[in-house]
Amino acid sequence: MINKYSGFTLVEMAIVLALIALILGTSLTVLSAQQDQRRIEETQTRLDEAHEALVGFAISHNRLPCPANPALADGVELAGEERLAIDTGAGCTADVGGTIQGALPWVTLGLSETDAWGRRFTYRVTARYARDVNFFTLASDGDIDIGTTAGGSDMANNMPAVIVSHGVNGLRAYLPSGSQMPASGDADETENADVDTNFVGKIFTPGFDDQLIWLSQYTLFNRMVQAGKLP
């Protein structure tokens, strides 16, 4: 006898559709994670390139560059260029806007404007290292400290400069439009965007995805000495 009901029942079809949805959801999650990892690696490459560009700039100019104005949109005059000091003896403390923290000056350094998420890098420099008179010496200390957490112990101190990517969530990063992303609720991410000399570099957590690279004074000294620029 032939069974007239050989097709799928509604319950069976629902189970199949649920399985397909689960598989697709898992695949999309894995794909998203892979894309984020590629962007993390690409951002690290850009940070490494920026580190080398800062050293090259110092060898060429006997100082580090001042930050660019982060609030200038692409296409606006001076966007991406370092803000030069009015009082050249003071470094970047007297630049237009009065800050030694802003965007990495990508035009001045010939670098990519953004990280792999399309957001500008934050850059801070010690004023002593940005003077174009009374250049820094082998006795010069930086004033930037890198901590394990906000208010925690230091993993590096007296650094001349630091560069920050604000990561996957991009909170407090500046966009190419010149607008700034909203604030983070994470204390360690807030530390990397609050315009002071303290920064946090640590492994990723659910609330923290910033990537940092800092310029060691001793690395800079070594490269300057090799180039015949110091002492």
Protein backbone atom coordinates (compact mmCIF):
# COMPACT_ATOMS: atom_id res chain seq x y z
CA MET A 1 0.00 0.00 0.00
CA ILE A 2 1.34 3.47 -0.95
CA ASN A 3 1.62 6.03 1.84
CA LYS A 4 -0.05 9.25 0.67
CA TYR A 5 1.67 11.24 3.44
CA SER A 6 5.34 10.73 2.51
CA GLY A 7 6.25 14.48 2.64
CA PHE A 8 7.56 16.54 5.59
CA THR A 9 5.18 17.44 8.36
CA LEU A 10 4.99 21.03 9.58
CA VAL A 11 6.85 20.06 12.73
CA GLU A 12 9.65 18.45 10.71
CA MET A 13 9.89 21.49 8.45
CA ALA A 14 10.07 23.77 11.47
CA ILE A 15 12.90 21.70 12.92
CA VAL A 16 14.81 21.81 9.61
CA LEU A 17 14.35 25.58 9.33
CA ALA A 18 15.51 26.04 12.92
CA LEU A 19 18.64 24.00 12.21
CA ILE A 20 19.37 26.02 9.08
CA ALA A 21 18.93 29.26 11.03
CA LEU A 22 21.27 27.97 13.74
CA ILE A 23 23.92 26.99 11.20
CA LEU A 24 23.66 30.33 9.39
CA GLY A 25 23.80 32.24 12.68
CA THR A 26 26.90 30.33 13.78
CA SER A 27 28.54 30.87 10.40
CA LEU A 28 27.85 34.62 10.49
CA THR A 29 29.26 34.85 14.02
CA VAL A 30 32.43 33.04 12.96
CA LEU A 31 32.73 35.22 9.84
CA SER A 32 32.30 38.40 11.91
CA ALA A 33 34.97 37.25 14.37
CA GLN A 34 37.34 36.49 11.49
CA GLN A 35 36.72 39.93 9.98
CA ASP A 36 37.39 41.59 13.34
CA GLN A 37 40.62 39.62 13.72
CA ARG A 38 41.78 40.70 10.26
CA ARG A 39 41.03 44.31 11.13
CA ILE A 40 42.90 43.98 14.44
CA GLU A 41 45.94 42.65 12.57
CA GLU A 42 45.69 45.36 9.90
CA THR A 43 45.40 48.03 12.58
CA GLN A 44 48.47 46.66 14.33
CA THR A 45 50.38 46.88 11.05
CA ARG A 46 49.32 50.52 10.69
CA LEU A 47 50.38 51.23 14.28
CA ASP A 48 53.79 49.69 13.60
CA GLU A 49 54.14 51.82 10.47
CA ALA A 50 53.20 54.93 12.46
CA HIS A 51 55.82 54.08 15.09
CA GLU A 52 58.51 53.87 12.41
CA ALA A 53 57.29 57.08 10.78
CA LEU A 54 57.63 58.94 14.10
CA VAL A 55 61.23 57.73 14.41
CA GLY A 56 61.94 58.75 10.82
CA PHE A 57 60.40 62.18 11.39
CA ALA A 58 62.53 62.66 14.52
CA ILE A 59 65.71 61.72 12.63
CA SER A 60 64.82 64.18 9.88
CA HIS A 61 63.57 67.08 12.03
CA ASN A 62 65.26 66.49 15.41
CA ARG A 63 61.85 66.44 17.05
CA LEU A 64 58.54 64.57 17.02
CA PRO A 65 55.53 66.02 15.20
CA CYS A 66 52.66 67.80 16.88
CA PRO A 67 49.19 66.22 16.58
CA ALA A 68 46.76 67.14 13.82
CA ASN A 69 43.47 68.80 14.63
CA PRO A 70 41.11 65.80 14.96
CA ALA A 71 37.96 67.86 14.36
CA LEU A 72 38.85 68.94 10.80
CA ALA A 73 36.97 67.04 8.12
CA ASP A 74 38.68 65.48 5.12
CA GLY A 75 39.22 68.05 2.39
CA VAL A 76 39.42 70.99 4.80
CA GLU A 77 42.65 72.96 4.70
CA LEU A 78 45.28 71.61 7.13
CA ALA A 79 43.35 68.39 7.84
CA GLY A 80 45.88 65.70 8.70
CA GLU A 81 48.78 68.13 9.07
CA GLU A 82 50.58 68.75 12.34
CA ARG A 83 49.55 71.89 14.18
CA LEU A 84 52.76 73.88 14.43
CA ALA A 85 53.64 75.67 17.64
CA ILE A 86 53.27 79.43 17.86
CA ASP A 87 56.09 79.57 20.41
CA THR A 88 58.56 77.14 18.87
CA GLY A 89 60.47 76.84 22.11
CA ALA A 90 57.44 75.37 23.88
CA GLY A 91 56.83 72.40 21.62
CA CYS A 92 53.17 71.63 21.03
CA THR A 93 51.85 73.25 24.20
CA ALA A 94 51.31 76.49 22.32
CA ASP A 95 49.95 75.07 19.09
CA VAL A 96 46.73 76.26 17.50
CA GLY A 97 44.11 74.79 19.77
CA GLY A 98 46.48 74.55 22.72
CA THR A 99 46.86 70.78 22.94
CA ILE A 100 49.52 68.10 22.69
CA GLN A 101 46.91 65.43 22.02
CA GLY A 102 44.87 65.05 18.87
CA ALA A 103 44.90 62.99 15.70
CA LEU A 104 47.99 61.31 14.33
CA PRO A 105 49.15 63.78 11.61
CA TRP A 106 48.73 61.33 8.75
CA VAL A 107 49.38 63.84 5.96
CA THR A 108 52.59 65.09 7.57
CA LEU A 109 53.82 61.53 8.09
CA GLY A 110 52.50 60.09 4.81
CA LEU A 111 50.39 57.41 6.52
CA SER A 112 46.91 55.95 6.33
CA GLU A 113 44.41 58.31 7.91
CA THR A 114 42.52 55.70 9.89
CA ASP A 115 42.67 52.32 11.53
CA ALA A 116 41.04 49.32 9.84
CA TRP A 117 37.62 50.42 11.15
CA GLY A 118 37.84 53.78 9.39
CA ARG A 119 38.54 55.90 12.49
CA ARG A 120 41.42 58.25 13.13
CA PHE A 121 44.25 57.37 15.49
CA THR A 122 44.65 59.37 18.68
CA TYR A 123 48.20 60.68 19.16
CA ARG A 124 49.82 62.34 22.16
CA VAL A 125 53.38 63.68 22.35
CA THR A 126 55.50 65.01 25.20
CA ALA A 127 55.98 68.74 24.58
CA ARG A 128 59.72 68.50 25.33
CA TYR A 129 60.13 66.12 22.39
CA ALA A 130 58.28 68.35 19.93
CA ARG A 131 60.35 71.51 20.28
CA ASP A 132 62.02 72.74 17.13
CA VAL A 133 64.52 74.76 19.18
CA ASN A 134 66.37 73.44 22.23
CA PHE A 135 65.92 69.88 20.93
CA PHE A 136 65.51 66.94 23.25
CA THR A 137 68.70 65.22 24.47
CA LEU A 138 69.74 61.87 25.91
CA ALA A 139 68.76 63.26 29.31
CA SER A 140 65.19 64.13 28.27
CA ASP A 141 62.30 62.21 29.83
CA GLY A 142 58.88 61.77 28.32
CA ASP A 143 55.80 62.34 30.45
CA ILE A 144 53.43 59.61 29.18
CA ASP A 145 52.74 56.54 31.33
CA ILE A 146 51.14 53.30 30.13
CA GLY A 147 49.28 51.41 32.84
CA THR A 148 47.80 47.94 33.13
CA THR A 149 44.48 49.52 34.15
CA ALA A 150 43.22 53.00 34.93
CA GLY A 151 44.97 53.93 38.16
CA GLY A 152 46.88 50.63 38.16
CA SER A 153 50.58 49.86 38.00
CA ASP A 154 52.68 51.09 35.07
CA MET A 155 54.00 48.80 32.35
CA ALA A 156 55.91 51.69 30.76
CA ASN A 157 56.61 55.20 31.96
CA ASN A 158 58.22 58.42 30.75
CA MET A 159 57.35 57.64 27.12
CA PRO A 160 57.74 60.45 24.54
CA ALA A 161 54.65 59.55 22.49
CA VAL A 162 51.72 57.15 22.23
CA ILE A 163 49.29 56.24 19.42
CA VAL A 164 45.84 54.76 20.08
CA SER A 165 43.32 52.95 17.94
CA HIS A 166 39.96 52.96 19.69
CA GLY A 167 39.22 49.47 18.40
CA VAL A 168 36.13 47.64 17.27
CA ASN A 169 33.66 49.85 19.16
CA GLY A 170 35.56 53.03 18.23
CA LEU A 171 34.30 54.90 21.28
CA ARG A 172 35.76 58.45 21.52
CA ALA A 173 37.60 58.08 18.22
CA TYR A 174 37.35 60.84 15.61
CA LEU A 175 35.92 60.05 12.19
CA PRO A 176 37.12 61.41 8.82
CA SER A 177 34.14 63.77 9.00
CA GLY A 178 35.71 65.41 12.07
CA SER A 179 32.96 64.22 14.39
CA GLN A 180 33.74 62.21 17.52
CA MET A 181 32.25 58.91 18.58
CA PRO A 182 30.32 58.71 21.90
CA ALA A 183 32.01 58.11 25.24
CA SER A 184 32.81 54.65 26.55
CA GLY A 185 31.44 53.29 29.81
CA ASP A 186 34.68 51.40 30.40
CA ALA A 187 37.16 53.13 32.74
CA ASP A 188 40.21 51.88 30.84
CA GLU A 189 38.90 53.04 27.46
CA THR A 190 37.99 56.38 29.04
CA GLU A 191 41.60 56.68 30.24
CA ASN A 192 42.77 56.49 26.63
CA ALA A 193 40.57 59.39 25.56
CA ASP A 194 40.57 61.85 28.48
CA VAL A 195 43.45 64.08 27.30
CA ASP A 196 46.00 63.45 30.03
CA THR A 197 49.37 61.68 30.26
CA ASN A 198 47.98 58.32 31.42
CA PHE A 199 47.00 55.52 29.05
CA VAL A 200 46.04 51.86 29.38
CA GLY A 201 47.40 49.00 27.31
CA LYS A 202 46.12 45.50 28.04
CA ILE A 203 44.53 42.43 26.47
CA PHE A 204 41.01 42.74 25.14
CA THR A 205 38.06 42.33 27.51
CA PRO A 206 34.30 42.60 26.80
CA GLY A 207 34.50 46.34 27.53
CA PHE A 208 38.00 47.16 26.27
CA ASP A 209 39.23 46.81 22.69
CA ASP A 210 41.74 49.67 22.28
CA GLN A 211 45.08 48.99 20.58
CA LEU A 212 48.13 51.06 21.55
CA ILE A 213 51.71 51.50 20.52
CA TRP A 214 54.11 53.79 22.31
CA LEU A 215 57.51 55.16 21.42
CA SER A 216 60.19 54.31 23.97
CA GLN A 217 62.69 57.07 24.61
CA TYR A 218 65.50 54.53 24.52
CA THR A 219 64.43 53.17 21.15
CA LEU A 220 64.33 56.73 19.88
CA PHE A 221 67.70 57.56 21.43
CA ASN A 222 69.26 54.48 19.86
CA ARG A 223 67.96 55.27 16.39
CA MET A 224 68.96 58.95 16.69
CA VAL A 225 72.48 58.02 17.80
CA GLN A 226 72.81 55.56 14.90
CA ALA A 227 71.75 58.32 12.53
CA GLY A 228 74.32 60.72 13.99
CA LYS A 229 71.63 63.06 15.41
CA LEU A 230 72.50 62.51 19.08
CA PRO A 231 74.22 63.25 21.37
